[in-house]
């Protein structure tokens, strides 16, 4: 039987952009695969402005761009 590896990111996971001077946290609110076969996520800013971003999953898990938020 083949076992599936758990995805590196789940809904509700929180990340911070490396070098963000304001220390904003972003929450994963959607995960999907685009028509080109690349997984993407929608991030929502935890702050008051409720800004959102779409980013590839590979960029999100790259420690040069994002790190997991504590707490």
N, C-alpha and C. Protein backbone atom coordinates (compact mmCIF):
# COMPACT_ATOMS: atom_id res chain seq x y z
N UNK A 1 0.84 -1.19 0.00
CA UNK A 1 0.00 0.00 0.00
C UNK A 1 0.88 1.24 0.00
N UNK A 2 0.54 2.18 -0.83
CA UNK A 2 1.29 3.43 -0.90
C UNK A 2 0.80 4.37 0.18
N UNK A 3 1.74 5.03 0.81
CA UNK A 3 1.34 6.02 1.80
C UNK A 3 1.55 7.41 1.20
N UNK A 4 0.65 8.26 1.48
CA UNK A 4 0.74 9.62 0.97
C UNK A 4 1.43 10.49 2.01
N UNK A 5 2.33 11.30 1.53
CA UNK A 5 3.00 12.26 2.39
C UNK A 5 2.04 13.41 2.69
N UNK A 6 1.97 13.80 3.94
CA UNK A 6 1.09 14.91 4.32
C UNK A 6 1.57 16.18 3.63
N UNK A 7 0.65 17.03 3.21
CA UNK A 7 1.06 18.28 2.56
C UNK A 7 1.87 19.13 3.54
N UNK A 8 2.83 19.87 3.01
CA UNK A 8 3.66 20.69 3.90
C UNK A 8 2.90 21.87 4.51
N UNK A 9 1.74 22.16 3.95
CA UNK A 9 0.95 23.31 4.41
C UNK A 9 -0.51 22.88 4.52
N UNK A 10 -1.17 23.35 5.57
CA UNK A 10 -2.59 23.07 5.79
C UNK A 10 -3.36 24.37 5.97
N UNK A 11 -4.67 24.31 5.76
CA UNK A 11 -5.50 25.48 6.04
C UNK A 11 -5.30 25.90 7.48
N UNK A 12 -5.20 27.20 7.71
CA UNK A 12 -5.02 27.72 9.06
C UNK A 12 -3.56 27.89 9.46
N UNK A 13 -2.63 27.31 8.70
CA UNK A 13 -1.21 27.52 9.01
C UNK A 13 -0.87 28.99 8.82
N UNK A 14 0.03 29.48 9.65
CA UNK A 14 0.39 30.91 9.62
C UNK A 14 1.85 31.07 9.25
N UNK A 15 2.14 32.08 8.45
CA UNK A 15 3.49 32.36 7.97
C UNK A 15 3.79 33.84 8.08
N UNK A 16 5.09 34.15 8.12
CA UNK A 16 5.55 35.54 8.09
C UNK A 16 6.53 35.67 6.94
N UNK A 17 6.43 36.77 6.19
CA UNK A 17 7.35 37.03 5.09
C UNK A 17 8.70 37.44 5.66
N UNK A 18 9.74 36.82 5.15
CA UNK A 18 11.10 37.15 5.58
C UNK A 18 11.38 38.61 5.26
N UNK A 19 11.89 39.35 6.23
CA UNK A 19 12.25 40.75 6.04
C UNK A 19 11.11 41.73 6.17
N UNK A 20 9.92 41.28 6.50
CA UNK A 20 8.78 42.19 6.67
C UNK A 20 9.01 43.02 7.93
N UNK A 21 9.17 44.30 7.75
CA UNK A 21 9.48 45.19 8.87
C UNK A 21 8.33 45.32 9.87
N UNK A 22 7.11 45.00 9.43
CA UNK A 22 5.94 45.15 10.29
C UNK A 22 5.58 43.87 11.02
N UNK A 23 6.22 42.77 10.70
CA UNK A 23 5.97 41.50 11.39
C UNK A 23 4.57 40.96 11.19
N UNK A 24 4.00 41.18 10.01
CA UNK A 24 2.63 40.71 9.74
C UNK A 24 2.61 39.19 9.58
N UNK A 25 1.55 38.59 10.09
CA UNK A 25 1.34 37.15 9.93
C UNK A 25 0.28 36.94 8.87
N UNK A 26 0.46 35.87 8.09
CA UNK A 26 -0.46 35.52 7.01
C UNK A 26 -0.99 34.12 7.26
N UNK A 27 -2.30 33.93 7.10
CA UNK A 27 -2.94 32.65 7.33
C UNK A 27 -3.35 32.03 6.00
N UNK A 28 -3.10 30.73 5.85
CA UNK A 28 -3.51 30.00 4.65
C UNK A 28 -5.02 29.78 4.73
N UNK A 29 -5.75 30.32 3.74
CA UNK A 29 -7.21 30.19 3.74
C UNK A 29 -7.71 29.36 2.56
N UNK A 30 -6.83 29.04 1.61
CA UNK A 30 -7.23 28.20 0.48
C UNK A 30 -5.99 27.55 -0.12
N UNK A 31 -6.12 26.30 -0.53
CA UNK A 31 -5.04 25.57 -1.21
C UNK A 31 -5.66 24.91 -2.44
N UNK A 32 -5.04 25.07 -3.60
CA UNK A 32 -5.54 24.44 -4.82
C UNK A 32 -4.41 24.29 -5.83
N UNK A 33 -4.67 23.51 -6.86
CA UNK A 33 -3.71 23.32 -7.93
C UNK A 33 -4.24 24.05 -9.16
N UNK A 34 -3.40 24.90 -9.74
CA UNK A 34 -3.80 25.67 -10.91
C UNK A 34 -3.77 24.79 -12.16
N UNK A 35 -4.24 25.31 -13.26
CA UNK A 35 -4.34 24.53 -14.50
C UNK A 35 -2.98 24.06 -15.01
N UNK A 36 -1.91 24.70 -14.60
CA UNK A 36 -0.57 24.26 -15.02
C UNK A 36 0.00 23.19 -14.09
N UNK A 37 -0.79 22.76 -13.11
CA UNK A 37 -0.37 21.68 -12.22
C UNK A 37 0.41 22.12 -11.00
N UNK A 38 0.58 23.42 -10.81
CA UNK A 38 1.34 23.93 -9.67
C UNK A 38 0.41 24.26 -8.50
N UNK A 39 0.72 23.77 -7.31
CA UNK A 39 -0.11 24.09 -6.15
C UNK A 39 0.11 25.55 -5.70
N UNK A 40 -0.97 26.20 -5.35
CA UNK A 40 -0.95 27.58 -4.88
C UNK A 40 -1.75 27.69 -3.60
N UNK A 41 -1.54 28.79 -2.89
CA UNK A 41 -2.31 29.08 -1.68
C UNK A 41 -2.78 30.53 -1.71
N UNK A 42 -3.89 30.77 -1.04
CA UNK A 42 -4.32 32.15 -0.79
C UNK A 42 -4.01 32.42 0.67
N UNK A 43 -3.30 33.51 0.89
CA UNK A 43 -2.95 33.94 2.24
C UNK A 43 -3.78 35.16 2.60
N UNK A 44 -4.22 35.22 3.83
CA UNK A 44 -4.95 36.39 4.32
C UNK A 44 -4.17 36.99 5.47
N UNK A 45 -3.99 38.31 5.40
CA UNK A 45 -3.28 39.03 6.44
C UNK A 45 -4.10 38.97 7.73
N UNK A 46 -3.43 38.65 8.84
CA UNK A 46 -4.12 38.58 10.12
C UNK A 46 -4.45 39.96 10.68
N UNK A 47 -3.93 40.99 10.08
CA UNK A 47 -4.15 42.35 10.58
C UNK A 47 -5.52 42.88 10.25
N UNK A 48 -5.71 44.14 10.53
CA UNK A 48 -7.02 44.77 10.36
C UNK A 48 -7.40 45.00 8.91
N UNK A 49 -6.42 45.11 8.01
CA UNK A 49 -6.74 45.45 6.63
C UNK A 49 -7.27 44.29 5.80
N UNK A 50 -7.13 43.06 6.28
CA UNK A 50 -7.65 41.86 5.62
C UNK A 50 -7.17 41.74 4.16
N UNK A 51 -5.95 42.13 3.92
CA UNK A 51 -5.32 41.98 2.61
C UNK A 51 -5.12 40.49 2.32
N UNK A 52 -5.19 40.09 1.07
CA UNK A 52 -4.91 38.70 0.72
C UNK A 52 -3.93 38.65 -0.44
N UNK A 53 -3.26 37.49 -0.55
CA UNK A 53 -2.28 37.25 -1.61
C UNK A 53 -2.43 35.83 -2.10
N UNK A 54 -2.09 35.62 -3.36
CA UNK A 54 -1.99 34.28 -3.91
C UNK A 54 -0.52 34.05 -4.21
N UNK A 55 -0.02 32.89 -3.77
CA UNK A 55 1.40 32.58 -3.94
C UNK A 55 1.55 31.08 -4.18
N UNK A 56 2.59 30.72 -4.92
CA UNK A 56 2.81 29.30 -5.16
C UNK A 56 3.24 28.64 -3.85
N UNK A 57 2.86 27.39 -3.71
CA UNK A 57 3.22 26.64 -2.52
C UNK A 57 4.74 26.52 -2.38
N UNK A 58 5.43 26.36 -3.50
CA UNK A 58 6.89 26.23 -3.44
C UNK A 58 7.53 27.50 -2.90
N UNK A 59 7.00 28.67 -3.22
CA UNK A 59 7.54 29.91 -2.66
C UNK A 59 7.22 30.03 -1.18
N UNK A 60 6.02 29.60 -0.80
CA UNK A 60 5.61 29.70 0.60
C UNK A 60 6.49 28.85 1.52
N UNK A 61 6.90 27.68 1.07
CA UNK A 61 7.70 26.81 1.93
C UNK A 61 9.21 27.04 1.76
N UNK A 62 9.59 27.99 0.92
CA UNK A 62 11.00 28.35 0.76
C UNK A 62 11.39 29.32 1.88
N UNK A 63 12.32 28.91 2.72
CA UNK A 63 12.71 29.71 3.89
C UNK A 63 13.37 31.03 3.52
N UNK A 64 13.69 31.23 2.25
CA UNK A 64 14.22 32.52 1.81
C UNK A 64 13.11 33.56 1.67
N UNK A 65 11.86 33.08 1.58
CA UNK A 65 10.72 33.97 1.38
C UNK A 65 9.77 34.04 2.57
N UNK A 66 9.46 32.89 3.18
CA UNK A 66 8.51 32.84 4.28
C UNK A 66 8.99 31.88 5.36
N UNK A 67 8.59 32.16 6.61
CA UNK A 67 8.85 31.24 7.73
C UNK A 67 7.53 31.07 8.47
N UNK A 68 7.39 29.93 9.12
CA UNK A 68 6.16 29.67 9.89
C UNK A 68 6.10 30.63 11.08
N UNK A 69 4.92 31.16 11.33
CA UNK A 69 4.70 32.06 12.45
C UNK A 69 4.57 31.24 13.72
N UNK A 70 5.09 31.74 14.80
CA UNK A 70 4.98 31.08 16.10
C UNK A 70 3.64 31.40 16.73
N UNK A 71 3.08 30.42 17.39
CA UNK A 71 1.85 30.64 18.16
C UNK A 71 0.62 30.54 17.43
